[in-house]
Amino acid sequence: EFDIYATVDGGGEVGQAGALRHGIARALEKSDEALRAPLK
């Protein structure tokens, strides 16, 4: 449903993956407040 454009820097592959996952989760929460409960 969404196109995601990300810029990651610092750390290694796993750290960057975790940062990207965290950013995507925050963006989904911003898009729809009802998604906060399952993500949290």
ModelCIF file with pLDDT and N, C-alpha, C, O atoms, coordinates in Angstrom:
data_MODEL
#
_entry.id   MODEL 
#
_entity.id                         1 
_entity.type                       polymer 
_entity.pdbx_number_of_molecules   1 
#
_entity_poly.entity_id                      1 
_entity_poly.type                           'polypeptide(L)' 
_entity_poly.nstd_linkage                   no 
_entity_poly.nstd_monomer                   no 
_entity_poly.pdbx_seq_one_letter_code       EFDIYATVDGGGEVGQAGALRHGIARALEKSDEALRAPLK 
_entity_poly.pdbx_seq_one_letter_code_can   EFDIYATVDGGGEVGQAGALRHGIARALEKSDEALRAPLK 
_entity_poly.pdbx_strand_id                 A 
#
loop_
_entity_poly_seq.entity_id 
_entity_poly_seq.num 
_entity_poly_seq.mon_id 
_entity_poly_seq.hetero 
1 1  GLU n 
1 2  PHE n 
1 3  ASP n 
1 4  ILE n 
1 5  TYR n 
1 6  ALA n 
1 7  THR n 
1 8  VAL n 
1 9  ASP n 
1 10 GLY n 
1 11 GLY n 
1 12 GLY n 
1 13 GLU n 
1 14 VAL n 
1 15 GLY n 
1 16 GLN n 
1 17 ALA n 
1 18 GLY n 
1 19 ALA n 
1 20 LEU n 
1 21 ARG n 
1 22 HIS n 
1 23 GLY n 
1 24 ILE n 
1 25 ALA n 
1 26 ARG n 
1 27 ALA n 
1 28 LEU n 
1 29 GLU n 
1 30 LYS n 
1 31 SER n 
1 32 ASP n 
1 33 GLU n 
1 34 ALA n 
1 35 LEU n 
1 36 ARG n 
1 37 ALA n 
1 38 PRO n 
1 39 LEU n 
1 40 LYS n 
#
_struct_asym.id          A 
_struct_asym.entity_id   1 
#
loop_
_ma_qa_metric.id 
_ma_qa_metric.mode 
_ma_qa_metric.name 
_ma_qa_metric.software_group_id 
_ma_qa_metric.type 
1 global pLDDT . pLDDT 
2 local  pLDDT . pLDDT 
#
_ma_qa_metric_global.metric_id      1 
_ma_qa_metric_global.metric_value   95.38 
_ma_qa_metric_global.model_id       1 
_ma_qa_metric_global.ordinal_id     1 
#
loop_
_ma_qa_metric_local.label_asym_id 
_ma_qa_metric_local.label_comp_id 
_ma_qa_metric_local.label_seq_id 
_ma_qa_metric_local.metric_id 
_ma_qa_metric_local.metric_value 
_ma_qa_metric_local.model_id 
_ma_qa_metric_local.ordinal_id 
A GLU 1  2 93.00 1 1  
A PHE 2  2 94.00 1 2  
A ASP 3  2 95.00 1 3  
A ILE 4  2 96.00 1 4  
A TYR 5  2 97.00 1 5  
A ALA 6  2 97.00 1 6  
A THR 7  2 97.00 1 7  
A VAL 8  2 97.00 1 8  
A ASP 9  2 96.00 1 9  
A GLY 10 2 95.00 1 10 
A GLY 11 2 94.00 1 11 
A GLY 12 2 95.00 1 12 
A GLU 13 2 95.00 1 13 
A VAL 14 2 95.00 1 14 
A GLY 15 2 95.00 1 15 
A GLN 16 2 97.00 1 16 
A ALA 17 2 97.00 1 17 
A GLY 18 2 96.00 1 18 
A ALA 19 2 97.00 1 19 
A LEU 20 2 97.00 1 20 
A ARG 21 2 97.00 1 21 
A HIS 22 2 97.00 1 22 
A GLY 23 2 97.00 1 23 
A ILE 24 2 96.00 1 24 
A ALA 25 2 96.00 1 25 
A ARG 26 2 96.00 1 26 
A ALA 27 2 96.00 1 27 
A LEU 28 2 95.00 1 28 
A GLU 29 2 95.00 1 29 
A LYS 30 2 94.00 1 30 
A SER 31 2 92.00 1 31 
A ASP 32 2 92.00 1 32 
A GLU 33 2 94.00 1 33 
A ALA 34 2 94.00 1 34 
A LEU 35 2 94.00 1 35 
A ARG 36 2 95.00 1 36 
A ALA 37 2 95.00 1 37 
A PRO 38 2 95.00 1 38 
A LEU 39 2 95.00 1 39 
A LYS 40 2 95.00 1 40 
#
loop_
_atom_site.group_PDB 
_atom_site.id 
_atom_site.type_symbol 
_atom_site.label_atom_id 
_atom_site.label_alt_id 
_atom_site.label_comp_id 
_atom_site.label_asym_id 
_atom_site.label_entity_id 
_atom_site.label_seq_id 
_atom_site.pdbx_PDB_ins_code 
_atom_site.Cartn_x 
_atom_site.Cartn_y 
_atom_site.Cartn_z 
_atom_site.occupancy 
_atom_site.B_iso_or_equiv 
_atom_site.pdbx_formal_charge 
_atom_site.auth_seq_id 
_atom_site.auth_comp_id 
_atom_site.auth_asym_id 
_atom_site.auth_atom_id 
_atom_site.pdbx_PDB_model_num 
ATOM 1   N N  . GLU A 1 1  ? 0.807  -1.221 0.000  1.00 93.00 ? 1  GLU A N  1 
ATOM 2   C CA . GLU A 1 1  ? 0.000  0.000  0.000  1.00 93.00 ? 1  GLU A CA 1 
ATOM 3   C C  . GLU A 1 1  ? 0.838  1.268  0.000  1.00 93.00 ? 1  GLU A C  1 
ATOM 4   O O  . GLU A 1 1  ? 0.355  2.337  -0.373 1.00 93.00 ? 1  GLU A O  1 
ATOM 5   N N  . PHE A 1 2  ? 2.107  1.150  0.423  1.00 94.00 ? 2  PHE A N  1 
ATOM 6   C CA . PHE A 1 2  ? 2.948  2.338  0.548  1.00 94.00 ? 2  PHE A CA 1 
ATOM 7   C C  . PHE A 1 2  ? 4.261  2.156  -0.196 1.00 94.00 ? 2  PHE A C  1 
ATOM 8   O O  . PHE A 1 2  ? 4.816  1.058  -0.247 1.00 94.00 ? 2  PHE A O  1 
ATOM 9   N N  . ASP A 1 3  ? 4.753  3.254  -0.776 1.00 95.00 ? 3  ASP A N  1 
ATOM 10  C CA . ASP A 1 3  ? 6.103  3.296  -1.313 1.00 95.00 ? 3  ASP A CA 1 
ATOM 11  C C  . ASP A 1 3  ? 6.991  3.877  -0.221 1.00 95.00 ? 3  ASP A C  1 
ATOM 12  O O  . ASP A 1 3  ? 6.635  4.868  0.416  1.00 95.00 ? 3  ASP A O  1 
ATOM 13  N N  . ILE A 1 4  ? 8.142  3.259  -0.009 1.00 96.00 ? 4  ILE A N  1 
ATOM 14  C CA . ILE A 1 4  ? 9.039  3.697  1.060  1.00 96.00 ? 4  ILE A CA 1 
ATOM 15  C C  . ILE A 1 4  ? 10.379 4.065  0.453  1.00 96.00 ? 4  ILE A C  1 
ATOM 16  O O  . ILE A 1 4  ? 10.998 3.272  -0.257 1.00 96.00 ? 4  ILE A O  1 
ATOM 17  N N  . TYR A 1 5  ? 10.818 5.285  0.745  1.00 97.00 ? 5  TYR A N  1 
ATOM 18  C CA . TYR A 1 5  ? 12.139 5.770  0.342  1.00 97.00 ? 5  TYR A CA 1 
ATOM 19  C C  . TYR A 1 5  ? 12.919 6.005  1.620  1.00 97.00 ? 5  TYR A C  1 
ATOM 20  O O  . TYR A 1 5  ? 12.520 6.831  2.441  1.00 97.00 ? 5  TYR A O  1 
ATOM 21  N N  . ALA A 1 6  ? 14.019 5.300  1.805  1.00 97.00 ? 6  ALA A N  1 
ATOM 22  C CA . ALA A 1 6  ? 14.772 5.396  3.053  1.00 97.00 ? 6  ALA A CA 1 
ATOM 23  C C  . ALA A 1 6  ? 16.229 5.743  2.788  1.00 97.00 ? 6  ALA A C  1 
ATOM 24  O O  . ALA A 1 6  ? 16.813 5.344  1.781  1.00 97.00 ? 6  ALA A O  1 
ATOM 25  N N  . THR A 1 7  ? 16.797 6.500  3.723  1.00 97.00 ? 7  THR A N  1 
ATOM 26  C CA . THR A 1 7  ? 18.225 6.786  3.716  1.00 97.00 ? 7  THR A CA 1 
ATOM 27  C C  . THR A 1 7  ? 18.772 6.258  5.025  1.00 97.00 ? 7  THR A C  1 
ATOM 28  O O  . THR A 1 7  ? 18.405 6.754  6.090  1.00 97.00 ? 7  THR A O  1 
ATOM 29  N N  . VAL A 1 8  ? 19.638 5.265  4.968  1.00 97.00 ? 8  VAL A N  1 
ATOM 30  C CA . VAL A 1 8  ? 20.222 4.698  6.185  1.00 97.00 ? 8  VAL A CA 1 
ATOM 31  C C  . VAL A 1 8  ? 21.710 4.990  6.208  1.00 97.00 ? 8  VAL A C  1 
ATOM 32  O O  . VAL A 1 8  ? 22.376 4.981  5.173  1.00 97.00 ? 8  VAL A O  1 
ATOM 33  N N  . ASP A 1 9  ? 22.227 5.253  7.414  1.00 96.00 ? 9  ASP A N  1 
ATOM 34  C CA . ASP A 1 9  ? 23.661 5.470  7.545  1.00 96.00 ? 9  ASP A CA 1 
ATOM 35  C C  . ASP A 1 9  ? 24.111 5.060  8.933  1.00 96.00 ? 9  ASP A C  1 
ATOM 36  O O  . ASP A 1 9  ? 23.324 5.041  9.879  1.00 96.00 ? 9  ASP A O  1 
ATOM 37  N N  . GLY A 1 10 ? 25.393 4.731  9.041  1.00 95.00 ? 10 GLY A N  1 
ATOM 38  C CA . GLY A 1 10 ? 25.970 4.311  10.312 1.00 95.00 ? 10 GLY A CA 1 
ATOM 39  C C  . GLY A 1 10 ? 25.719 2.841  10.578 1.00 95.00 ? 10 GLY A C  1 
ATOM 40  O O  . GLY A 1 10 ? 24.786 2.250  10.033 1.00 95.00 ? 10 GLY A O  1 
ATOM 41  N N  . GLY A 1 11 ? 26.557 2.255  11.418 1.00 94.00 ? 11 GLY A N  1 
ATOM 42  C CA . GLY A 1 11 ? 26.361 0.874  11.839 1.00 94.00 ? 11 GLY A CA 1 
ATOM 43  C C  . GLY A 1 11 ? 26.604 -0.124 10.733 1.00 94.00 ? 11 GLY A C  1 
ATOM 44  O O  . GLY A 1 11 ? 27.173 0.200  9.691  1.00 94.00 ? 11 GLY A O  1 
ATOM 45  N N  . GLY A 1 12 ? 26.164 -1.345 10.976 1.00 95.00 ? 12 GLY A N  1 
ATOM 46  C CA . GLY A 1 12 ? 26.312 -2.428 10.011 1.00 95.00 ? 12 GLY A CA 1 
ATOM 47  C C  . GLY A 1 12 ? 24.972 -2.802 9.429  1.00 95.00 ? 12 GLY A C  1 
ATOM 48  O O  . GLY A 1 12 ? 23.985 -2.084 9.595  1.00 95.00 ? 12 GLY A O  1 
ATOM 49  N N  . GLU A 1 13 ? 24.941 -3.929 8.745  1.00 95.00 ? 13 GLU A N  1 
ATOM 50  C CA . GLU A 1 13 ? 23.730 -4.347 8.032  1.00 95.00 ? 13 GLU A CA 1 
ATOM 51  C C  . GLU A 1 13 ? 22.561 -4.602 8.988  1.00 95.00 ? 13 GLU A C  1 
ATOM 52  O O  . GLU A 1 13 ? 21.439 -4.172 8.722  1.00 95.00 ? 13 GLU A O  1 
ATOM 53  N N  . VAL A 1 14 ? 22.819 -5.295 10.093 1.00 95.00 ? 14 VAL A N  1 
ATOM 54  C CA . VAL A 1 14 ? 21.736 -5.630 11.030 1.00 95.00 ? 14 VAL A CA 1 
ATOM 55  C C  . VAL A 1 14 ? 21.245 -4.381 11.760 1.00 95.00 ? 14 VAL A C  1 
ATOM 56  O O  . VAL A 1 14 ? 20.044 -4.219 11.973 1.00 95.00 ? 14 VAL A O  1 
ATOM 57  N N  . GLY A 1 15 ? 22.166 -3.504 12.143 1.00 95.00 ? 15 GLY A N  1 
ATOM 58  C CA . GLY A 1 15 ? 21.781 -2.245 12.795 1.00 95.00 ? 15 GLY A CA 1 
ATOM 59  C C  . GLY A 1 15 ? 20.955 -1.378 11.878 1.00 95.00 ? 15 GLY A C  1 
ATOM 60  O O  . GLY A 1 15 ? 19.970 -0.778 12.309 1.00 95.00 ? 15 GLY A O  1 
ATOM 61  N N  . GLN A 1 16 ? 21.343 -1.301 10.612 1.00 97.00 ? 16 GLN A N  1 
ATOM 62  C CA . GLN A 1 16 ? 20.588 -0.521 9.639  1.00 97.00 ? 16 GLN A CA 1 
ATOM 63  C C  . GLN A 1 16 ? 19.214 -1.121 9.401  1.00 97.00 ? 16 GLN A C  1 
ATOM 64  O O  . GLN A 1 16 ? 18.234 -0.395 9.232  1.00 97.00 ? 16 GLN A O  1 
ATOM 65  N N  . ALA A 1 17 ? 19.139 -2.442 9.387  1.00 97.00 ? 17 ALA A N  1 
ATOM 66  C CA . ALA A 1 17 ? 17.847 -3.120 9.211  1.00 97.00 ? 17 ALA A CA 1 
ATOM 67  C C  . ALA A 1 17 ? 16.920 -2.801 10.385 1.00 97.00 ? 17 ALA A C  1 
ATOM 68  O O  . ALA A 1 17 ? 15.737 -2.525 10.184 1.00 97.00 ? 17 ALA A O  1 
ATOM 69  N N  . GLY A 1 18 ? 17.447 -2.839 11.596 1.00 96.00 ? 18 GLY A N  1 
ATOM 70  C CA . GLY A 1 18 ? 16.651 -2.512 12.782 1.00 96.00 ? 18 GLY A CA 1 
ATOM 71  C C  . GLY A 1 18 ? 16.183 -1.072 12.774 1.00 96.00 ? 18 GLY A C  1 
ATOM 72  O O  . GLY A 1 18 ? 15.052 -0.780 13.163 1.00 96.00 ? 18 GLY A O  1 
ATOM 73  N N  . ALA A 1 19 ? 17.056 -0.160 12.326 1.00 97.00 ? 19 ALA A N  1 
ATOM 74  C CA . ALA A 1 19 ? 16.698 1.255  12.241 1.00 97.00 ? 19 ALA A CA 1 
ATOM 75  C C  . ALA A 1 19 ? 15.590 1.464  11.215 1.00 97.00 ? 19 ALA A C  1 
ATOM 76  O O  . ALA A 1 19 ? 14.653 2.228  11.449 1.00 97.00 ? 19 ALA A O  1 
ATOM 77  N N  . LEU A 1 20 ? 15.703 0.781  10.077 1.00 97.00 ? 20 LEU A N  1 
ATOM 78  C CA . LEU A 1 20 ? 14.693 0.906  9.026  1.00 97.00 ? 20 LEU A CA 1 
ATOM 79  C C  . LEU A 1 20 ? 13.351 0.345  9.484  1.00 97.00 ? 20 LEU A C  1 
ATOM 80  O O  . LEU A 1 20 ? 12.307 0.938  9.213  1.00 97.00 ? 20 LEU A O  1 
ATOM 81  N N  . ARG A 1 21 ? 13.369 -0.782 10.169 1.00 97.00 ? 21 ARG A N  1 
ATOM 82  C CA . ARG A 1 21 ? 12.140 -1.393 10.714 1.00 97.00 ? 21 ARG A CA 1 
ATOM 83  C C  . ARG A 1 21 ? 11.466 -0.441 11.696 1.00 97.00 ? 21 ARG A C  1 
ATOM 84  O O  . ARG A 1 21 ? 10.246 -0.277 11.670 1.00 97.00 ? 21 ARG A O  1 
ATOM 85  N N  . HIS A 1 22 ? 12.262 0.186  12.564 1.00 97.00 ? 22 HIS A N  1 
ATOM 86  C CA . HIS A 1 22 ? 11.748 1.142  13.547 1.00 97.00 ? 22 HIS A CA 1 
ATOM 87  C C  . HIS A 1 22 ? 11.125 2.349  12.840 1.00 97.00 ? 22 HIS A C  1 
ATOM 88  O O  . HIS A 1 22 ? 10.053 2.813  13.228 1.00 97.00 ? 22 HIS A O  1 
ATOM 89  N N  . GLY A 1 23 ? 11.797 2.856  11.805 1.00 97.00 ? 23 GLY A N  1 
ATOM 90  C CA . GLY A 1 23 ? 11.277 3.994  11.051 1.00 97.00 ? 23 GLY A CA 1 
ATOM 91  C C  . GLY A 1 23 ? 9.988  3.672  10.317 1.00 97.00 ? 23 GLY A C  1 
ATOM 92  O O  . GLY A 1 23 ? 9.076  4.498  10.276 1.00 97.00 ? 23 GLY A O  1 
ATOM 93  N N  . ILE A 1 24 ? 9.902  2.485  9.739  1.00 96.00 ? 24 ILE A N  1 
ATOM 94  C CA . ILE A 1 24 ? 8.684  2.068  9.026  1.00 96.00 ? 24 ILE A CA 1 
ATOM 95  C C  . ILE A 1 24 ? 7.515  1.937  10.009 1.00 96.00 ? 24 ILE A C  1 
ATOM 96  O O  . ILE A 1 24 ? 6.397  2.356  9.711  1.00 96.00 ? 24 ILE A O  1 
ATOM 97  N N  . ALA A 1 25 ? 7.782  1.355  11.177 1.00 96.00 ? 25 ALA A N  1 
ATOM 98  C CA . ALA A 1 25 ? 6.730  1.202  12.190 1.00 96.00 ? 25 ALA A CA 1 
ATOM 99  C C  . ALA A 1 25 ? 6.218  2.567  12.642 1.00 96.00 ? 25 ALA A C  1 
ATOM 100 O O  . ALA A 1 25 ? 5.014  2.758  12.810 1.00 96.00 ? 25 ALA A O  1 
ATOM 101 N N  . ARG A 1 26 ? 7.129  3.509  12.837 1.00 96.00 ? 26 ARG A N  1 
ATOM 102 C CA . ARG A 1 26 ? 6.722  4.859  13.245 1.00 96.00 ? 26 ARG A CA 1 
ATOM 103 C C  . ARG A 1 26 ? 5.905  5.550  12.154 1.00 96.00 ? 26 ARG A C  1 
ATOM 104 O O  . ARG A 1 26 ? 4.945  6.264  12.446 1.00 96.00 ? 26 ARG A O  1 
ATOM 105 N N  . ALA A 1 27 ? 6.290  5.333  10.903 1.00 96.00 ? 27 ALA A N  1 
ATOM 106 C CA . ALA A 1 27 ? 5.563  5.935  9.778  1.00 96.00 ? 27 ALA A CA 1 
ATOM 107 C C  . ALA A 1 27 ? 4.152  5.355  9.670  1.00 96.00 ? 27 ALA A C  1 
ATOM 108 O O  . ALA A 1 27 ? 3.192  6.082  9.415  1.00 96.00 ? 27 ALA A O  1 
ATOM 109 N N  . LEU A 1 28 ? 4.035  4.038  9.867  1.00 95.00 ? 28 LEU A N  1 
ATOM 110 C CA . LEU A 1 28 ? 2.707  3.411  9.824  1.00 95.00 ? 28 LEU A CA 1 
ATOM 111 C C  . LEU A 1 28 ? 1.813  3.948  10.935 1.00 95.00 ? 28 LEU A C  1 
ATOM 112 O O  . LEU A 1 28 ? 0.620  4.171  10.730 1.00 95.00 ? 28 LEU A O  1 
ATOM 113 N N  . GLU A 1 29 ? 2.396  4.154  12.110 1.00 95.00 ? 29 GLU A N  1 
ATOM 114 C CA . GLU A 1 29 ? 1.630  4.710  13.220 1.00 95.00 ? 29 GLU A CA 1 
ATOM 115 C C  . GLU A 1 29 ? 1.157  6.123  12.895 1.00 95.00 ? 29 GLU A C  1 
ATOM 116 O O  . GLU A 1 29 ? 0.031  6.495  13.224 1.00 95.00 ? 29 GLU A O  1 
ATOM 117 N N  . LYS A 1 30 ? 2.019  6.911  12.249 1.00 94.00 ? 30 LYS A N  1 
ATOM 118 C CA . LYS A 1 30 ? 1.646  8.273  11.857 1.00 94.00 ? 30 LYS A CA 1 
ATOM 119 C C  . LYS A 1 30 ? 0.528  8.268  10.819 1.00 94.00 ? 30 LYS A C  1 
ATOM 120 O O  . LYS A 1 30 ? -0.335 9.146  10.822 1.00 94.00 ? 30 LYS A O  1 
ATOM 121 N N  . SER A 1 31 ? 0.549  7.263  9.922  1.00 92.00 ? 31 SER A N  1 
ATOM 122 C CA . SER A 1 31 ? -0.450 7.205  8.863  1.00 92.00 ? 31 SER A CA 1 
ATOM 123 C C  . SER A 1 31 ? -1.833 6.854  9.399  1.00 92.00 ? 31 SER A C  1 
ATOM 124 O O  . SER A 1 31 ? -2.840 7.353  8.898  1.00 92.00 ? 31 SER A O  1 
ATOM 125 N N  . ASP A 1 32 ? -1.885 5.994  10.421 1.00 92.00 ? 32 ASP A N  1 
ATOM 126 C CA . ASP A 1 32 ? -3.160 5.569  10.996 1.00 92.00 ? 32 ASP A CA 1 
ATOM 127 C C  . ASP A 1 32 ? -2.958 5.277  12.484 1.00 92.00 ? 32 ASP A C  1 
ATOM 128 O O  . ASP A 1 32 ? -2.261 4.331  12.851 1.00 92.00 ? 32 ASP A O  1 
ATOM 129 N N  . GLU A 1 33 ? -3.560 6.081  13.313 1.00 94.00 ? 33 GLU A N  1 
ATOM 130 C CA . GLU A 1 33 ? -3.400 5.966  14.772 1.00 94.00 ? 33 GLU A CA 1 
ATOM 131 C C  . GLU A 1 33 ? -3.900 4.623  15.313 1.00 94.00 ? 33 GLU A C  1 
ATOM 132 O O  . GLU A 1 33 ? -3.457 4.178  16.371 1.00 94.00 ? 33 GLU A O  1 
ATOM 133 N N  . ALA A 1 34 ? -4.827 3.973  14.586 1.00 94.00 ? 34 ALA A N  1 
ATOM 134 C CA . ALA A 1 34 ? -5.372 2.676  15.022 1.00 94.00 ? 34 ALA A CA 1 
ATOM 135 C C  . ALA A 1 34 ? -4.321 1.564  14.966 1.00 94.00 ? 34 ALA A C  1 
ATOM 136 O O  . ALA A 1 34 ? -4.475 0.529  15.616 1.00 94.00 ? 34 ALA A O  1 
ATOM 137 N N  . LEU A 1 35 ? -3.250 1.778  14.188 1.00 94.00 ? 35 LEU A N  1 
ATOM 138 C CA . LEU A 1 35 ? -2.202 0.767  14.066 1.00 94.00 ? 35 LEU A CA 1 
ATOM 139 C C  . LEU A 1 35 ? -1.244 0.782  15.259 1.00 94.00 ? 35 LEU A C  1 
ATOM 140 O O  . LEU A 1 35 ? -0.409 -0.112 15.396 1.00 94.00 ? 35 LEU A O  1 
ATOM 141 N N  . ARG A 1 36 ? -1.362 1.792  16.118 1.00 95.00 ? 36 ARG A N  1 
ATOM 142 C CA . ARG A 1 36 ? -0.439 1.919  17.248 1.00 95.00 ? 36 ARG A CA 1 
ATOM 143 C C  . ARG A 1 36 ? -0.478 0.702  18.170 1.00 95.00 ? 36 ARG A C  1 
ATOM 144 O O  . ARG A 1 36 ? 0.571  0.198  18.569 1.00 95.00 ? 36 ARG A O  1 
ATOM 145 N N  . ALA A 1 37 ? -1.670 0.229  18.512 1.00 95.00 ? 37 ALA A N  1 
ATOM 146 C CA . ALA A 1 37 ? -1.809 -0.881 19.460 1.00 95.00 ? 37 ALA A CA 1 
ATOM 147 C C  . ALA A 1 37 ? -1.103 -2.159 18.989 1.00 95.00 ? 37 ALA A C  1 
ATOM 148 O O  . ALA A 1 37 ? -0.311 -2.715 19.750 1.00 95.00 ? 37 ALA A O  1 
ATOM 149 N N  . PRO A 1 38 ? -1.358 -2.650 17.757 1.00 95.00 ? 38 PRO A N  1 
ATOM 150 C CA . PRO A 1 38 ? -0.662 -3.883 17.356 1.00 95.00 ? 38 PRO A CA 1 
ATOM 151 C C  . PRO A 1 38 ? 0.850  -3.695 17.205 1.00 95.00 ? 38 PRO A C  1 
ATOM 152 O O  . PRO A 1 38 ? 1.619  -4.604 17.515 1.00 95.00 ? 38 PRO A O  1 
ATOM 153 N N  . LEU A 1 39 ? 1.277  -2.525 16.733 1.00 95.00 ? 39 LEU A N  1 
ATOM 154 C CA . LEU A 1 39 ? 2.719  -2.279 16.572 1.00 95.00 ? 39 LEU A CA 1 
ATOM 155 C C  . LEU A 1 39 ? 3.408  -2.203 17.931 1.00 95.00 ? 39 LEU A C  1 
ATOM 156 O O  . LEU A 1 39 ? 4.513  -2.718 18.105 1.00 95.00 ? 39 LEU A O  1 
ATOM 157 N N  . LYS A 1 40 ? 2.752  -1.562 18.885 1.00 95.00 ? 40 LYS A N  1 
ATOM 158 C CA . LYS A 1 40 ? 3.342  -1.432 20.225 1.00 95.00 ? 40 LYS A CA 1 
ATOM 159 C C  . LYS A 1 40 ? 3.387  -2.787 20.920 1.00 95.00 ? 40 LYS A C  1 
ATOM 160 O O  . LYS A 1 40 ? 3.849  -2.883 22.057 1.00 95.00 ? 40 LYS A O  1 
#
